[in-house]
C-alpha cells in the first residue's frame, strides 16, 4: 500500500466528503421528523467531553466519506447507461487536426480492444502521466475531482428536495431541485473536457519524451 492510497486528496473532499455531509444533514432532517433532535443539548453534552467530541467528529467524517462514495455509484452507473461512446469515438470528435493526427497516434499505440474500453485507456493514460508528467497528472486529478463533486452532489440535493417537501417548504424545495438539475447537466457534459485533456496530455507527453530521447541518442 502506498502513502497516496491513505492520504485524502481533492477527489475525496469534493467527490465524497462534501456530498456525504449534505446527505448526512438530509438524513438528520428526515430523522428529526420522527425522533426530535435537540442540537443545543448535544453541543452542551459534548463540551463536557472534548475527547469524545473529537472521536465523534472523526467518525462523522469517515461516515460522510463512505455515504458520499455510495452517492457517486448510481450516478456513474446512470452515465454509463446513457453515454456509450468509446474512446475511439471520443478521439474522432475531439481531433480537430486536418489529417486526424491524434486519432492516428492512438490507433498506432493501442489495440482495438483498448480503444473500445474507456476505463482501460483512461486508466493507462493517467498512470503514464503520473510517471512521466506529474503536473499534468495533478491537473487531471483536479478535473476528476470537479466531475465527482458534480455527480456526487446530485442525489443529496434530490433527497434535500424531498426533505423540504416533507417539511412542507414548497418554495424552498425548488432551490435544491434546480441545483440538482444544473449539477447533473454539468456532470453529463464535463466528461468530454476530461477526455480531451487526458488524451492530449498523453499525446504531448509521449511525443516530448521520445523527442528528447532521440536527441540524446544523437
C-alpha atoms as a PDB file:
ATOM      1  CA  UNK A   1       0.000   0.000   0.000  1.00  0.00           C
ATOM      2  CA  UNK A   2       1.288   3.457  -0.972  1.00  0.00           C
ATOM      3  CA  UNK A   3       1.079   6.582   1.165  1.00  0.00           C
ATOM      4  CA  UNK A   4      -1.027   8.182  -1.601  1.00  0.00           C
ATOM      5  CA  UNK A   5      -3.652   5.472  -1.062  1.00  0.00           C
ATOM      6  CA  UNK A   6      -4.166   6.663   2.525  1.00  0.00           C
ATOM      7  CA  UNK A   7      -3.935  10.443   2.165  1.00  0.00           C
ATOM      8  CA  UNK A   8      -7.046  12.498   1.372  1.00  0.00           C
ATOM      9  CA  UNK A   9      -6.969  14.455  -1.880  1.00  0.00           C
ATOM     10  CA  UNK A  10      -9.399  16.732  -3.746  1.00  0.00           C
ATOM     11  CA  UNK A  11     -11.287  13.719  -5.061  1.00  0.00           C
ATOM     12  CA  UNK A  12     -12.099  12.638  -1.528  1.00  0.00           C
ATOM     13  CA  UNK A  13     -13.092  16.128  -0.377  1.00  0.00           C
ATOM     14  CA  UNK A  14     -15.050  17.266  -3.443  1.00  0.00           C
ATOM     15  CA  UNK A  15     -16.431  13.980  -4.685  1.00  0.00           C
ATOM     16  CA  UNK A  16     -17.177  12.168  -1.443  1.00  0.00           C
ATOM     17  CA  UNK A  17     -16.858  14.208   1.740  1.00  0.00           C
ATOM     18  CA  UNK A  18     -18.948  17.235   0.677  1.00  0.00           C
ATOM     19  CA  UNK A  19     -21.796  15.178  -0.883  1.00  0.00           C
ATOM     20  CA  UNK A  20     -21.634  12.834   2.109  1.00  0.00           C
ATOM     21  CA  UNK A  21     -22.001  15.730   4.560  1.00  0.00           C
ATOM     22  CA  UNK A  22     -25.039  17.066   2.673  1.00  0.00           C
ATOM     23  CA  UNK A  23     -26.529  13.571   2.650  1.00  0.00           C
ATOM     24  CA  UNK A  24     -25.865  13.213   6.390  1.00  0.00           C
ATOM     25  CA  UNK A  25     -27.684  16.516   7.010  1.00  0.00           C
ATOM     26  CA  UNK A  26     -30.569  15.226   4.869  1.00  0.00           C
ATOM     27  CA  UNK A  27     -30.807  12.075   6.962  1.00  0.00           C
ATOM     28  CA  UNK A  28     -30.712  14.082  10.212  1.00  0.00           C
ATOM     29  CA  UNK A  29     -33.508  16.354   9.000  1.00  0.00           C
ATOM     30  CA  UNK A  30     -35.634  13.387   7.938  1.00  0.00           C
ATOM     31  CA  UNK A  31     -34.912  11.605  11.214  1.00  0.00           C
ATOM     32  CA  UNK A  32     -35.965  14.731  13.101  1.00  0.00           C
ATOM     33  CA  UNK A  33     -39.481  14.265  11.734  1.00  0.00           C
ATOM     34  CA  UNK A  34     -39.803  11.010  13.667  1.00  0.00           C
ATOM     35  CA  UNK A  35     -37.397  11.464  16.597  1.00  0.00           C
ATOM     36  CA  UNK A  36     -36.866  15.112  17.626  1.00  0.00           C
ATOM     37  CA  UNK A  37     -33.213  16.142  17.719  1.00  0.00           C
ATOM     38  CA  UNK A  38     -32.064  18.943  20.037  1.00  0.00           C
ATOM     39  CA  UNK A  39     -28.695  20.212  18.749  1.00  0.00           C
ATOM     40  CA  UNK A  40     -28.154  22.599  21.670  1.00  0.00           C
ATOM     41  CA  UNK A  41     -28.344  19.787  24.211  1.00  0.00           C
ATOM     42  CA  UNK A  42     -25.970  17.643  22.150  1.00  0.00           C
ATOM     43  CA  UNK A  43     -23.448  20.502  21.898  1.00  0.00           C
ATOM     44  CA  UNK A  44     -23.607  21.167  25.646  1.00  0.00           C
ATOM     45  CA  UNK A  45     -23.078  17.472  26.345  1.00  0.00           C
ATOM     46  CA  UNK A  46     -20.076  17.221  24.007  1.00  0.00           C
ATOM     47  CA  UNK A  47     -18.456  20.292  25.599  1.00  0.00           C
ATOM     48  CA  UNK A  48     -18.094  18.293  28.788  1.00  0.00           C
ATOM     49  CA  UNK A  49     -16.177  15.521  26.984  1.00  0.00           C
ATOM     50  CA  UNK A  50     -13.680  17.049  24.469  1.00  0.00           C
ATOM     51  CA  UNK A  51     -12.004  13.721  23.681  1.00  0.00           C
ATOM     52  CA  UNK A  52     -15.357  12.148  22.884  1.00  0.00           C
ATOM     53  CA  UNK A  53     -16.198  15.142  20.672  1.00  0.00           C
ATOM     54  CA  UNK A  54     -13.038  14.672  18.607  1.00  0.00           C
ATOM     55  CA  UNK A  55     -13.730  10.948  18.241  1.00  0.00           C
ATOM     56  CA  UNK A  56     -17.336  11.554  17.148  1.00  0.00           C
ATOM     57  CA  UNK A  57     -16.207  14.188  14.621  1.00  0.00           C
ATOM     58  CA  UNK A  58     -13.737  11.728  13.116  1.00  0.00           C
ATOM     59  CA  UNK A  59     -16.411   9.016  12.973  1.00  0.00           C
ATOM     60  CA  UNK A  60     -18.793  11.521  11.362  1.00  0.00           C
ATOM     61  CA  UNK A  61     -16.235  12.467   8.689  1.00  0.00           C
ATOM     62  CA  UNK A  62     -15.471   8.823   7.899  1.00  0.00           C
ATOM     63  CA  UNK A  63     -19.208   8.075   7.685  1.00  0.00           C
ATOM     64  CA  UNK A  64     -19.699  11.073   5.363  1.00  0.00           C
ATOM     65  CA  UNK A  65     -16.891   9.827   3.138  1.00  0.00           C
ATOM     66  CA  UNK A  66     -18.476   6.366   2.912  1.00  0.00           C
ATOM     67  CA  UNK A  67     -22.008   7.534   2.134  1.00  0.00           C
ATOM     68  CA  UNK A  68     -20.538  10.064  -0.272  1.00  0.00           C
ATOM     69  CA  UNK A  69     -18.919   7.153  -2.110  1.00  0.00           C
ATOM     70  CA  UNK A  70     -22.312   5.451  -2.259  1.00  0.00           C
ATOM     71  CA  UNK A  71     -23.918   8.588  -3.715  1.00  0.00           C
ATOM     72  CA  UNK A  72     -21.413   8.550  -6.607  1.00  0.00           C
ATOM     73  CA  UNK A  73     -22.054   4.966  -7.682  1.00  0.00           C
ATOM     74  CA  UNK A  74     -25.601   5.234  -9.099  1.00  0.00           C
ATOM     75  CA  UNK A  75     -24.787   8.493 -10.913  1.00  0.00           C
ATOM     76  CA  UNK A  76     -21.790   6.980 -12.709  1.00  0.00           C
ATOM     77  CA  UNK A  77     -23.851   3.852 -13.405  1.00  0.00           C
ATOM     78  CA  UNK A  78     -26.554   6.019 -14.977  1.00  0.00           C
ATOM     79  CA  UNK A  79     -23.975   7.855 -17.057  1.00  0.00           C
ATOM     80  CA  UNK A  80     -22.610   4.577 -18.458  1.00  0.00           C
ATOM     81  CA  UNK A  81     -26.138   3.631 -19.499  1.00  0.00           C
ATOM     82  CA  UNK A  82     -26.876   6.987 -21.133  1.00  0.00           C
ATOM     83  CA  UNK A  83     -23.479   7.586 -22.785  1.00  0.00           C
ATOM     84  CA  UNK A  84     -21.937   4.659 -24.646  1.00  0.00           C
ATOM     85  CA  UNK A  85     -19.215   6.431 -26.641  1.00  0.00           C
ATOM     86  CA  UNK A  86     -15.949   4.511 -26.948  1.00  0.00           C
ATOM     87  CA  UNK A  87     -12.547   6.222 -26.600  1.00  0.00           C
ATOM     88  CA  UNK A  88     -12.063   5.983 -30.372  1.00  0.00           C
ATOM     89  CA  UNK A  89     -15.373   7.767 -30.975  1.00  0.00           C
ATOM     90  CA  UNK A  90     -14.378  10.435 -28.464  1.00  0.00           C
ATOM     91  CA  UNK A  91     -11.000  10.876 -30.135  1.00  0.00           C
ATOM     92  CA  UNK A  92     -12.605  11.334 -33.548  1.00  0.00           C
ATOM     93  CA  UNK A  93     -14.845  14.071 -32.120  1.00  0.00           C
ATOM     94  CA  UNK A  94     -12.005  15.763 -30.240  1.00  0.00           C
ATOM     95  CA  UNK A  95      -9.429  15.583 -33.052  1.00  0.00           C
ATOM     96  CA  UNK A  96      -9.611  18.872 -34.960  1.00  0.00           C
ATOM     97  CA  UNK A  97      -6.397  18.340 -36.956  1.00  0.00           C
ATOM     98  CA  UNK A  98      -6.744  18.153 -40.728  1.00  0.00           C
ATOM     99  CA  UNK A  99      -5.032  14.792 -41.030  1.00  0.00           C
ATOM    100  CA  UNK A 100      -6.600  13.364 -37.866  1.00  0.00           C
ATOM    101  CA  UNK A 101      -3.158  13.039 -36.306  1.00  0.00           C
ATOM    102  CA  UNK A 102      -4.466  12.424 -32.779  1.00  0.00           C
ATOM    103  CA  UNK A 103      -6.661   9.516 -33.885  1.00  0.00           C
ATOM    104  CA  UNK A 104      -3.829   8.024 -35.964  1.00  0.00           C
ATOM    105  CA  UNK A 105      -1.458   8.320 -32.987  1.00  0.00           C
ATOM    106  CA  UNK A 106      -3.750   6.383 -30.624  1.00  0.00           C
ATOM    107  CA  UNK A 107      -4.610   3.785 -33.255  1.00  0.00           C
ATOM    108  CA  UNK A 108      -0.881   3.140 -33.714  1.00  0.00           C
ATOM    109  CA  UNK A 109      -0.232   2.810 -29.970  1.00  0.00           C
ATOM    110  CA  UNK A 110      -3.248   0.880 -28.681  1.00  0.00           C
ATOM    111  CA  UNK A 111      -5.218  -2.200 -29.644  1.00  0.00           C
ATOM    112  CA  UNK A 112      -8.821  -2.134 -30.856  1.00  0.00           C
ATOM    113  CA  UNK A 113      -9.942  -3.596 -27.514  1.00  0.00           C
ATOM    114  CA  UNK A 114      -8.254  -0.760 -25.605  1.00  0.00           C
ATOM    115  CA  UNK A 115      -9.824   1.858 -27.886  1.00  0.00           C
ATOM    116  CA  UNK A 116     -13.226   0.284 -27.230  1.00  0.00           C
ATOM    117  CA  UNK A 117     -12.779   0.315 -23.440  1.00  0.00           C
ATOM    118  CA  UNK A 118     -12.769   3.786 -21.938  1.00  0.00           C
ATOM    119  CA  UNK A 119     -11.808   2.663 -18.438  1.00  0.00           C
ATOM    120  CA  UNK A 120      -8.758   0.742 -19.727  1.00  0.00           C
ATOM    121  CA  UNK A 121      -7.427   3.544 -21.939  1.00  0.00           C
ATOM    122  CA  UNK A 122      -8.148   6.330 -19.460  1.00  0.00           C
ATOM    123  CA  UNK A 123      -6.526   4.424 -16.584  1.00  0.00           C
ATOM    124  CA  UNK A 124      -3.415   3.709 -18.644  1.00  0.00           C
ATOM    125  CA  UNK A 125      -3.080   7.332 -19.765  1.00  0.00           C
ATOM    126  CA  UNK A 126      -3.417   8.615 -16.194  1.00  0.00           C
ATOM    127  CA  UNK A 127      -0.807   6.132 -14.927  1.00  0.00           C
ATOM    128  CA  UNK A 128       1.525   7.226 -17.715  1.00  0.00           C
ATOM    129  CA  UNK A 129       1.077  10.892 -16.757  1.00  0.00           C
ATOM    130  CA  UNK A 130       1.705  10.043 -13.100  1.00  0.00           C
ATOM    131  CA  UNK A 131       5.069   8.516 -14.011  1.00  0.00           C
ATOM    132  CA  UNK A 132       6.163  10.994 -16.671  1.00  0.00           C
ATOM    133  CA  UNK A 133       4.315  14.297 -16.211  1.00  0.00           C
ATOM    134  CA  UNK A 134       3.232  14.822 -12.620  1.00  0.00           C
ATOM    135  CA  UNK A 135       1.974  18.359 -13.299  1.00  0.00           C
ATOM    136  CA  UNK A 136      -0.410  17.070 -15.982  1.00  0.00           C
ATOM    137  CA  UNK A 137      -1.468  14.249 -13.662  1.00  0.00           C
ATOM    138  CA  UNK A 138      -2.309  16.721 -10.878  1.00  0.00           C
ATOM    139  CA  UNK A 139      -4.392  18.772 -13.301  1.00  0.00           C
ATOM    140  CA  UNK A 140      -6.179  15.602 -14.424  1.00  0.00           C
ATOM    141  CA  UNK A 141      -6.998  14.769 -10.803  1.00  0.00           C
ATOM    142  CA  UNK A 142      -8.407  18.273 -10.293  1.00  0.00           C
ATOM    143  CA  UNK A 143     -10.670  17.827 -13.299  1.00  0.00           C
ATOM    144  CA  UNK A 144     -11.747  14.421 -11.985  1.00  0.00           C
ATOM    145  CA  UNK A 145     -12.451  15.922  -8.537  1.00  0.00           C
ATOM    146  CA  UNK A 146     -14.751  18.575 -10.033  1.00  0.00           C
ATOM    147  CA  UNK A 147     -16.596  15.905 -12.018  1.00  0.00           C
ATOM    148  CA  UNK A 148     -17.027  13.788  -8.887  1.00  0.00           C
ATOM    149  CA  UNK A 149     -18.382  16.793  -6.999  1.00  0.00           C
ATOM    150  CA  UNK A 150     -20.950  17.486  -9.728  1.00  0.00           C
ATOM    151  CA  UNK A 151     -22.010  13.848  -9.836  1.00  0.00           C
ATOM    152  CA  UNK A 152     -21.820  13.073  -6.136  1.00  0.00           C
ATOM    153  CA  UNK A 153     -23.918  16.038  -5.061  1.00  0.00           C
ATOM    154  CA  UNK A 154     -26.914  15.179  -7.284  1.00  0.00           C
ATOM    155  CA  UNK A 155     -28.508  12.523  -5.055  1.00  0.00           C
ATOM    156  CA  UNK A 156     -28.000  14.520  -1.811  1.00  0.00           C
ATOM    157  CA  UNK A 157     -29.714  17.503  -3.495  1.00  0.00           C
ATOM    158  CA  UNK A 158     -32.604  15.329  -4.670  1.00  0.00           C
ATOM    159  CA  UNK A 159     -33.033  13.960  -1.156  1.00  0.00           C
ATOM    160  CA  UNK A 160     -32.829  17.527   0.189  1.00  0.00           C
ATOM    161  CA  UNK A 161     -35.661  18.438  -2.206  1.00  0.00           C
ATOM    162  CA  UNK A 162     -37.747  15.570  -0.824  1.00  0.00           C
ATOM    163  CA  UNK A 163     -36.847  16.663   2.717  1.00  0.00           C
ATOM    164  CA  UNK A 164     -38.100  20.199   2.019  1.00  0.00           C
ATOM    165  CA  UNK A 165     -41.340  18.738   0.693  1.00  0.00           C
ATOM    166  CA  UNK A 166     -41.708  16.616   3.836  1.00  0.00           C
ATOM    167  CA  UNK A 167     -41.342  19.811   5.877  1.00  0.00           C
ATOM    168  CA  UNK A 168     -43.893  21.437   3.523  1.00  0.00           C
ATOM    169  CA  UNK A 169     -41.397  24.040   2.389  1.00  0.00           C
ATOM    170  CA  UNK A 170     -42.780  24.134  -1.146  1.00  0.00           C
ATOM    171  CA  UNK A 171     -40.937  27.205  -2.420  1.00  0.00           C
ATOM    172  CA  UNK A 172     -37.662  26.257  -0.720  1.00  0.00           C
ATOM    173  CA  UNK A 173     -37.728  22.808  -2.348  1.00  0.00           C
ATOM    174  CA  UNK A 174     -37.278  24.423  -5.775  1.00  0.00           C
ATOM    175  CA  UNK A 175     -33.719  25.544  -4.971  1.00  0.00           C
ATOM    176  CA  UNK A 176     -32.124  22.110  -4.329  1.00  0.00           C
ATOM    177  CA  UNK A 177     -34.143  20.643  -7.212  1.00  0.00           C
ATOM    178  CA  UNK A 178     -32.841  23.241  -9.679  1.00  0.00           C
ATOM    179  CA  UNK A 179     -29.302  22.793  -8.327  1.00  0.00           C
ATOM    180  CA  UNK A 180     -29.597  19.011  -8.812  1.00  0.00           C
ATOM    181  CA  UNK A 181     -30.608  19.549 -12.454  1.00  0.00           C
ATOM    182  CA  UNK A 182     -27.763  22.034 -13.026  1.00  0.00           C
ATOM    183  CA  UNK A 183     -25.134  19.815 -11.399  1.00  0.00           C
ATOM    184  CA  UNK A 184     -26.276  16.713 -13.299  1.00  0.00           C
ATOM    185  CA  UNK A 185     -26.202  18.587 -16.588  1.00  0.00           C
ATOM    186  CA  UNK A 186     -22.705  19.831 -15.780  1.00  0.00           C
ATOM    187  CA  UNK A 187     -21.683  16.299 -14.786  1.00  0.00           C
ATOM    188  CA  UNK A 188     -23.036  14.901 -18.045  1.00  0.00           C
ATOM    189  CA  UNK A 189     -21.180  17.451 -20.178  1.00  0.00           C
ATOM    190  CA  UNK A 190     -17.898  17.533 -18.277  1.00  0.00           C
ATOM    191  CA  UNK A 191     -16.548  14.144 -19.381  1.00  0.00           C
ATOM    192  CA  UNK A 192     -15.734  15.357 -22.865  1.00  0.00           C
ATOM    193  CA  UNK A 193     -13.479  18.042 -21.395  1.00  0.00           C
ATOM    194  CA  UNK A 194     -11.739  15.431 -19.242  1.00  0.00           C
ATOM    195  CA  UNK A 195     -11.270  13.139 -22.251  1.00  0.00           C
ATOM    196  CA  UNK A 196      -9.819  15.975 -24.289  1.00  0.00           C
ATOM    197  CA  UNK A 197      -7.306  16.917 -21.594  1.00  0.00           C
ATOM    198  CA  UNK A 198      -6.192  13.346 -20.779  1.00  0.00           C
ATOM    199  CA  UNK A 199      -5.757  12.190 -24.361  1.00  0.00           C
ATOM    200  CA  UNK A 200      -3.966  15.345 -25.500  1.00  0.00           C
ATOM    201  CA  UNK A 201      -1.775  15.389 -22.383  1.00  0.00           C
ATOM    202  CA  UNK A 202      -0.778  11.768 -23.013  1.00  0.00           C
ATOM    203  CA  UNK A 203      -0.044  12.513 -26.678  1.00  0.00           C
ATOM    204  CA  UNK A 204       2.060  15.582 -25.841  1.00  0.00           C
ATOM    205  CA  UNK A 205       3.921  13.850 -23.007  1.00  0.00           C
ATOM    206  CA  UNK A 206       4.746  10.762 -25.105  1.00  0.00           C
ATOM    207  CA  UNK A 207       5.837  12.886 -28.068  1.00  0.00           C
ATOM    208  CA  UNK A 208       8.068  15.174 -25.975  1.00  0.00           C
ATOM    209  CA  UNK A 209       9.705  12.308 -24.099  1.00  0.00           C
ATOM    210  CA  UNK A 210      10.519  10.399 -27.271  1.00  0.00           C
ATOM    211  CA  UNK A 211      11.793  13.548 -28.974  1.00  0.00           C
ATOM    212  CA  UNK A 212      14.170  14.167 -26.060  1.00  0.00           C
ATOM    213  CA  UNK A 213      15.206  10.523 -26.069  1.00  0.00           C
ATOM    214  CA  UNK A 214      16.011  10.628 -29.776  1.00  0.00           C
ATOM    215  CA  UNK A 215      18.000  13.853 -29.334  1.00  0.00           C
ATOM    216  CA  UNK A 216      20.042  12.330 -26.525  1.00  0.00           C
ATOM    217  CA  UNK A 217      20.979   9.371 -28.718  1.00  0.00           C
ATOM    218  CA  UNK A 218      22.365  11.582 -31.497  1.00  0.00           C
END
